[in-house]
């Protein structure tokens, strides 16, 4: 089921980073996310509920800015 809050996400298993883009256009990277958490997020029926209860405020994060994108 498509999420009304999360547009897309990508998990980098080598770094343990979960990149999340919201429907607002804001992008964040969450650090130290275990692979099993990312896989459960991917399989979750409600990505928004899973994100809010198991990822948001549970892992260090930072907002990805336009500057970050141009420096990559």
PDB file of N, CA and C in Angstrom:
ATOM      1  N   UNK A   1       0.844  -1.171   0.000  1.00  0.00           N
ATOM      2  CA  UNK A   1       0.000   0.000   0.000  1.00  0.00           C
ATOM      3  C   UNK A   1       0.900   1.248   0.000  1.00  0.00           C
ATOM      4  N   UNK A   2       0.649   2.192  -0.898  1.00  0.00           N
ATOM      5  CA  UNK A   2       1.455   3.426  -0.915  1.00  0.00           C
ATOM      6  C   UNK A   2       1.254   4.232   0.369  1.00  0.00           C
ATOM      7  N   UNK A   3       2.304   4.880   0.796  1.00  0.00           N
ATOM      8  CA  UNK A   3       2.244   5.692   2.009  1.00  0.00           C
ATOM      9  C   UNK A   3       1.800   7.106   1.660  1.00  0.00           C
ATOM     10  N   UNK A   4       1.041   7.710   2.550  1.00  0.00           N
ATOM     11  CA  UNK A   4       0.633   9.099   2.354  1.00  0.00           C
ATOM     12  C   UNK A   4       1.671  10.054   2.943  1.00  0.00           C
ATOM     13  N   UNK A   5       2.678   9.520   3.625  1.00  0.00           N
ATOM     14  CA  UNK A   5       3.692  10.339   4.285  1.00  0.00           C
ATOM     15  C   UNK A   5       5.082  10.137   3.678  1.00  0.00           C
ATOM     16  N   UNK A   6       5.409   8.907   3.333  1.00  0.00           N
ATOM     17  CA  UNK A   6       6.748   8.577   2.854  1.00  0.00           C
ATOM     18  C   UNK A   6       6.710   8.351   1.344  1.00  0.00           C
ATOM     19  N   UNK A   7       7.473   9.163   0.624  1.00  0.00           N
ATOM     20  CA  UNK A   7       7.514   9.044  -0.840  1.00  0.00           C
ATOM     21  C   UNK A   7       8.382   7.868  -1.269  1.00  0.00           C
ATOM     22  N   UNK A   8       9.602   7.798  -0.695  1.00  0.00           N
ATOM     23  CA  UNK A   8      10.516   6.703  -1.034  1.00  0.00           C
ATOM     24  C   UNK A   8      11.591   6.599   0.038  1.00  0.00           C
ATOM     25  N   UNK A   9      12.280   5.461   0.035  1.00  0.00           N
ATOM     26  CA  UNK A   9      13.384   5.271   0.969  1.00  0.00           C
ATOM     27  C   UNK A   9      14.376   4.305   0.368  1.00  0.00           C
ATOM     28  N   UNK A  10      15.597   4.385   0.884  1.00  0.00           N
ATOM     29  CA  UNK A  10      16.675   3.518   0.427  1.00  0.00           C
ATOM     30  C   UNK A  10      17.519   3.143   1.639  1.00  0.00           C
ATOM     31  N   UNK A  11      17.876   1.877   1.729  1.00  0.00           N
ATOM     32  CA  UNK A  11      18.720   1.418   2.823  1.00  0.00           C
ATOM     33  C   UNK A  11      20.092   1.047   2.290  1.00  0.00           C
ATOM     34  N   UNK A  12      21.126   1.636   2.857  1.00  0.00           N
ATOM     35  CA  UNK A  12      22.517   1.343   2.512  1.00  0.00           C
ATOM     36  C   UNK A  12      23.057   0.385   3.571  1.00  0.00           C
ATOM     37  N   UNK A  13      23.073  -0.892   3.241  1.00  0.00           N
ATOM     38  CA  UNK A  13      23.474  -1.900   4.223  1.00  0.00           C
ATOM     39  C   UNK A  13      24.946  -1.818   4.594  1.00  0.00           C
ATOM     40  N   UNK A  14      25.800  -1.288   3.728  1.00  0.00           N
ATOM     41  CA  UNK A  14      27.217  -1.188   4.068  1.00  0.00           C
ATOM     42  C   UNK A  14      27.464  -0.125   5.136  1.00  0.00           C
ATOM     43  N   UNK A  15      26.666   0.924   5.144  1.00  0.00           N
ATOM     44  CA  UNK A  15      26.817   2.001   6.121  1.00  0.00           C
ATOM     45  C   UNK A  15      25.776   1.934   7.245  1.00  0.00           C
ATOM     46  N   UNK A  16      24.698   1.163   7.026  1.00  0.00           N
ATOM     47  CA  UNK A  16      23.619   1.117   8.013  1.00  0.00           C
ATOM     48  C   UNK A  16      22.790   2.391   8.023  1.00  0.00           C
ATOM     49  N   UNK A  17      22.743   3.071   6.871  1.00  0.00           N
ATOM     50  CA  UNK A  17      21.991   4.320   6.761  1.00  0.00           C
ATOM     51  C   UNK A  17      20.673   4.090   6.028  1.00  0.00           C
ATOM     52  N   UNK A  18      19.630   4.658   6.571  1.00  0.00           N
ATOM     53  CA  UNK A  18      18.312   4.613   5.947  1.00  0.00           C
ATOM     54  C   UNK A  18      17.983   6.015   5.462  1.00  0.00           C
ATOM     55  N   UNK A  19      17.854   6.178   4.151  1.00  0.00           N
ATOM     56  CA  UNK A  19      17.539   7.456   3.529  1.00  0.00           C
ATOM     57  C   UNK A  19      16.042   7.497   3.291  1.00  0.00           C
ATOM     58  N   UNK A  20      15.380   8.521   3.801  1.00  0.00           N
ATOM     59  CA  UNK A  20      13.925   8.621   3.688  1.00  0.00           C
ATOM     60  C   UNK A  20      13.555   9.963   3.069  1.00  0.00           C
ATOM     61  N   UNK A  21      12.702   9.911   2.051  1.00  0.00           N
ATOM     62  CA  UNK A  21      12.140  11.128   1.462  1.00  0.00           C
ATOM     63  C   UNK A  21      10.653  11.141   1.765  1.00  0.00           C
ATOM     64  N   UNK A  22      10.198  12.241   2.339  1.00  0.00           N
ATOM     65  CA  UNK A  22       8.791  12.388   2.687  1.00  0.00           C
ATOM     66  C   UNK A  22       8.026  13.055   1.553  1.00  0.00           C
ATOM     67  N   UNK A  23       6.720  12.950   1.573  1.00  0.00           N
ATOM     68  CA  UNK A  23       5.897  13.546   0.525  1.00  0.00           C
ATOM     69  C   UNK A  23       6.003  15.067   0.523  1.00  0.00           C
ATOM     70  N   UNK A  24       6.496  15.643   1.597  1.00  0.00           N
ATOM     71  CA  UNK A  24       6.718  17.088   1.662  1.00  0.00           C
ATOM     72  C   UNK A  24       7.948  17.505   0.855  1.00  0.00           C
ATOM     73  N   UNK A  25       8.769  16.512   0.469  1.00  0.00           N
ATOM     74  CA  UNK A  25      10.007  16.782  -0.246  1.00  0.00           C
ATOM     75  C   UNK A  25      11.221  16.812   0.663  1.00  0.00           C
ATOM     76  N   UNK A  26      11.013  16.817   1.966  1.00  0.00           N
ATOM     77  CA  UNK A  26      12.145  16.814   2.898  1.00  0.00           C
ATOM     78  C   UNK A  26      12.764  15.423   2.926  1.00  0.00           C
ATOM     79  N   UNK A  27      14.096  15.408   3.065  1.00  0.00           N
ATOM     80  CA  UNK A  27      14.848  14.152   3.042  1.00  0.00           C
ATOM     81  C   UNK A  27      15.716  14.067   4.287  1.00  0.00           C
ATOM     82  N   UNK A  28      15.771  12.876   4.858  1.00  0.00           N
ATOM     83  CA  UNK A  28      16.555  12.632   6.056  1.00  0.00           C
ATOM     84  C   UNK A  28      17.334  11.341   5.893  1.00  0.00           C
ATOM     85  N   UNK A  29      18.466  11.273   6.594  1.00  0.00           N
ATOM     86  CA  UNK A  29      19.218  10.025   6.666  1.00  0.00           C
ATOM     87  C   UNK A  29      19.306   9.633   8.139  1.00  0.00           C
ATOM     88  N   UNK A  30      18.935   8.385   8.422  1.00  0.00           N
ATOM     89  CA  UNK A  30      18.951   7.817   9.772  1.00  0.00           C
ATOM     90  C   UNK A  30      20.141   6.863   9.849  1.00  0.00           C
ATOM     91  N   UNK A  31      20.995   7.053  10.855  1.00  0.00           N
ATOM     92  CA  UNK A  31      22.239   6.291  10.985  1.00  0.00           C
ATOM     93  C   UNK A  31      22.089   5.147  11.974  1.00  0.00           C
ATOM     94  N   UNK A  32      22.866   4.088  11.722  1.00  0.00           N
ATOM     95  CA  UNK A  32      22.913   2.955  12.646  1.00  0.00           C
ATOM     96  C   UNK A  32      21.659   2.113  12.650  1.00  0.00           C
ATOM     97  N   UNK A  33      20.936   2.110  11.538  1.00  0.00           N
ATOM     98  CA  UNK A  33      19.700   1.323  11.454  1.00  0.00           C
ATOM     99  C   UNK A  33      20.066  -0.121  11.107  1.00  0.00           C
ATOM    100  N   UNK A  34      19.691  -1.070  11.949  1.00  0.00           N
ATOM    101  CA  UNK A  34      19.996  -2.472  11.648  1.00  0.00           C
ATOM    102  C   UNK A  34      19.247  -2.941  10.392  1.00  0.00           C
ATOM    103  N   UNK A  35      19.856  -3.862   9.687  1.00  0.00           N
ATOM    104  CA  UNK A  35      19.259  -4.368   8.451  1.00  0.00           C
ATOM    105  C   UNK A  35      17.864  -4.947   8.686  1.00  0.00           C
ATOM    106  N   UNK A  36      17.667  -5.642   9.818  1.00  0.00           N
ATOM    107  CA  UNK A  36      16.352  -6.246  10.078  1.00  0.00           C
ATOM    108  C   UNK A  36      15.265  -5.179  10.270  1.00  0.00           C
ATOM    109  N   UNK A  37      15.640  -4.028  10.819  1.00  0.00           N
ATOM    110  CA  UNK A  37      14.676  -2.929  10.964  1.00  0.00           C
ATOM    111  C   UNK A  37      14.302  -2.391   9.581  1.00  0.00           C
ATOM    112  N   UNK A  38      15.289  -2.214   8.721  1.00  0.00           N
ATOM    113  CA  UNK A  38      15.041  -1.729   7.367  1.00  0.00           C
ATOM    114  C   UNK A  38      14.188  -2.711   6.574  1.00  0.00           C
ATOM    115  N   UNK A  39      14.455  -3.999   6.712  1.00  0.00           N
ATOM    116  CA  UNK A  39      13.683  -5.014   5.998  1.00  0.00           C
ATOM    117  C   UNK A  39      12.238  -5.064   6.496  1.00  0.00           C
ATOM    118  N   UNK A  40      12.046  -4.932   7.797  1.00  0.00           N
ATOM    119  CA  UNK A  40      10.691  -4.923   8.342  1.00  0.00           C
ATOM    120  C   UNK A  40       9.955  -3.670   7.888  1.00  0.00           C
ATOM    121  N   UNK A  41      10.657  -2.543   7.826  1.00  0.00           N
ATOM    122  CA  UNK A  41      10.079  -1.301   7.310  1.00  0.00           C
ATOM    123  C   UNK A  41       9.632  -1.500   5.865  1.00  0.00           C
ATOM    124  N   UNK A  42      10.485  -2.119   5.060  1.00  0.00           N
ATOM    125  CA  UNK A  42      10.163  -2.361   3.654  1.00  0.00           C
ATOM    126  C   UNK A  42       8.897  -3.211   3.518  1.00  0.00           C
ATOM    127  N   UNK A  43       8.726  -4.194   4.395  1.00  0.00           N
ATOM    128  CA  UNK A  43       7.596  -5.115   4.314  1.00  0.00           C
ATOM    129  C   UNK A  43       6.344  -4.621   5.040  1.00  0.00           C
ATOM    130  N   UNK A  44       6.467  -3.557   5.804  1.00  0.00           N
ATOM    131  CA  UNK A  44       5.346  -3.088   6.629  1.00  0.00           C
ATOM    132  C   UNK A  44       4.153  -2.665   5.779  1.00  0.00           C
ATOM    133  N   UNK A  45       2.965  -3.036   6.222  1.00  0.00           N
ATOM    134  CA  UNK A  45       1.742  -2.628   5.539  1.00  0.00           C
ATOM    135  C   UNK A  45       1.581  -1.117   5.614  1.00  0.00           C
ATOM    136  N   UNK A  46       1.818  -0.565   6.807  1.00  0.00           N
ATOM    137  CA  UNK A  46       1.753   0.886   6.986  1.00  0.00           C
ATOM    138  C   UNK A  46       3.154   1.403   7.267  1.00  0.00           C
ATOM    139  N   UNK A  47       3.786   1.923   6.238  1.00  0.00           N
ATOM    140  CA  UNK A  47       5.145   2.436   6.389  1.00  0.00           C
ATOM    141  C   UNK A  47       5.190   3.597   7.380  1.00  0.00           C
ATOM    142  N   UNK A  48       4.186   4.467   7.357  1.00  0.00           N
ATOM    143  CA  UNK A  48       4.151   5.612   8.257  1.00  0.00           C
ATOM    144  C   UNK A  48       4.085   5.208   9.717  1.00  0.00           C
ATOM    145  N   UNK A  49       3.238   4.247  10.030  1.00  0.00           N
ATOM    146  CA  UNK A  49       3.120   3.787  11.424  1.00  0.00           C
ATOM    147  C   UNK A  49       4.412   3.112  11.867  1.00  0.00           C
ATOM    148  N   UNK A  50       4.966   2.248  11.017  1.00  0.00           N
ATOM    149  CA  UNK A  50       6.214   1.585  11.381  1.00  0.00           C
ATOM    150  C   UNK A  50       7.325   2.611  11.577  1.00  0.00           C
ATOM    151  N   UNK A  51       7.427   3.551  10.662  1.00  0.00           N
ATOM    152  CA  UNK A  51       8.444   4.583  10.762  1.00  0.00           C
ATOM    153  C   UNK A  51       8.310   5.353  12.078  1.00  0.00           C
ATOM    154  N   UNK A  52       7.104   5.784  12.398  1.00  0.00           N
ATOM    155  CA  UNK A  52       6.888   6.594  13.601  1.00  0.00           C
ATOM    156  C   UNK A  52       7.143   5.832  14.896  1.00  0.00           C
ATOM    157  N   UNK A  53       6.912   4.532  14.905  1.00  0.00           N
ATOM    158  CA  UNK A  53       7.078   3.768  16.144  1.00  0.00           C
ATOM    159  C   UNK A  53       8.443   3.098  16.281  1.00  0.00           C
ATOM    160  N   UNK A  54       9.118   2.800  15.162  1.00  0.00           N
ATOM    161  CA  UNK A  54      10.356   2.010  15.227  1.00  0.00           C
ATOM    162  C   UNK A  54      11.611   2.711  14.709  1.00  0.00           C
ATOM    163  N   UNK A  55      11.441   3.849  14.028  1.00  0.00           N
ATOM    164  CA  UNK A  55      12.609   4.506  13.439  1.00  0.00           C
ATOM    165  C   UNK A  55      12.725   5.948  13.915  1.00  0.00           C
ATOM    166  N   UNK A  56      11.685   6.718  13.747  1.00  0.00           N
ATOM    167  CA  UNK A  56      11.702   8.127  14.141  1.00  0.00           C
ATOM    168  C   UNK A  56      12.037   8.243  15.627  1.00  0.00           C
ATOM    169  N   UNK A  57      12.948   9.092  15.965  1.00  0.00           N
ATOM    170  CA  UNK A  57      13.392   9.328  17.339  1.00  0.00           C
ATOM    171  C   UNK A  57      14.076   8.119  17.992  1.00  0.00           C
ATOM    172  N   UNK A  58      14.349   7.080  17.212  1.00  0.00           N
ATOM    173  CA  UNK A  58      15.060   5.909  17.745  1.00  0.00           C
ATOM    174  C   UNK A  58      16.502   5.826  17.254  1.00  0.00           C
ATOM    175  N   UNK A  59      16.810   6.564  16.192  1.00  0.00           N
ATOM    176  CA  UNK A  59      18.145   6.539  15.606  1.00  0.00           C
ATOM    177  C   UNK A  59      18.601   7.965  15.339  1.00  0.00           C
ATOM    178  N   UNK A  60      19.904   8.210  15.389  1.00  0.00           N
ATOM    179  CA  UNK A  60      20.405   9.547  15.050  1.00  0.00           C
ATOM    180  C   UNK A  60      20.051   9.863  13.595  1.00  0.00           C
ATOM    181  N   UNK A  61      19.727  11.108  13.337  1.00  0.00           N
ATOM    182  CA  UNK A  61      19.356  11.491  11.978  1.00  0.00           C
ATOM    183  C   UNK A  61      19.778  12.918  11.692  1.00  0.00           C
ATOM    184  N   UNK A  62      19.790  13.230  10.408  1.00  0.00           N
ATOM    185  CA  UNK A  62      20.023  14.601   9.977  1.00  0.00           C
ATOM    186  C   UNK A  62      19.231  14.824   8.699  1.00  0.00           C
ATOM    187  N   UNK A  63      18.875  16.073   8.497  1.00  0.00           N
ATOM    188  CA  UNK A  63      18.165  16.412   7.265  1.00  0.00           C
ATOM    189  C   UNK A  63      19.183  16.540   6.139  1.00  0.00           C
ATOM    190  N   UNK A  64      18.836  15.999   4.988  1.00  0.00           N
ATOM    191  CA  UNK A  64      19.674  16.110   3.801  1.00  0.00           C
ATOM    192  C   UNK A  64      19.242  17.373   3.082  1.00  0.00           C
ATOM    193  N   UNK A  65      20.191  18.279   2.904  1.00  0.00           N
ATOM    194  CA  UNK A  65      19.880  19.564   2.281  1.00  0.00           C
ATOM    195  C   UNK A  65      20.327  19.570   0.826  1.00  0.00           C
ATOM    196  N   UNK A  66      19.958  20.607   0.144  1.00  0.00           N
ATOM    197  CA  UNK A  66      20.360  20.767  -1.251  1.00  0.00           C
ATOM    198  C   UNK A  66      21.887  20.810  -1.349  1.00  0.00           C
ATOM    199  N   UNK A  67      22.533  21.438  -0.366  1.00  0.00           N
ATOM    200  CA  UNK A  67      24.002  21.494  -0.341  1.00  0.00           C
ATOM    201  C   UNK A  67      24.605  20.097  -0.274  1.00  0.00           C
ATOM    202  N   UNK A  68      24.005  19.215   0.548  1.00  0.00           N
ATOM    203  CA  UNK A  68      24.502  17.841   0.658  1.00  0.00           C
ATOM    204  C   UNK A  68      24.471  17.151  -0.699  1.00  0.00           C
ATOM    205  N   UNK A  69      23.403  17.367  -1.437  1.00  0.00           N
ATOM    206  CA  UNK A  69      23.229  16.724  -2.733  1.00  0.00           C
ATOM    207  C   UNK A  69      24.266  17.205  -3.743  1.00  0.00           C
ATOM    208  N   UNK A  70      24.600  18.487  -3.711  1.00  0.00           N
ATOM    209  CA  UNK A  70      25.561  19.002  -4.674  1.00  0.00           C
ATOM    210  C   UNK A  70      26.993  18.676  -4.303  1.00  0.00           C
ATOM    211  N   UNK A  71      27.250  18.399  -3.029  1.00  0.00           N
ATOM    212  CA  UNK A  71      28.601  18.041  -2.585  1.00  0.00           C
ATOM    213  C   UNK A  71      28.882  16.566  -2.696  1.00  0.00           C
ATOM    214  N   UNK A  72      27.880  15.756  -3.027  1.00  0.00           N
ATOM    215  CA  UNK A  72      28.066  14.298  -3.094  1.00  0.00           C
ATOM    216  C   UNK A  72      28.713  13.853  -4.369  1.00  0.00           C
TER     217      UNK A  72
END
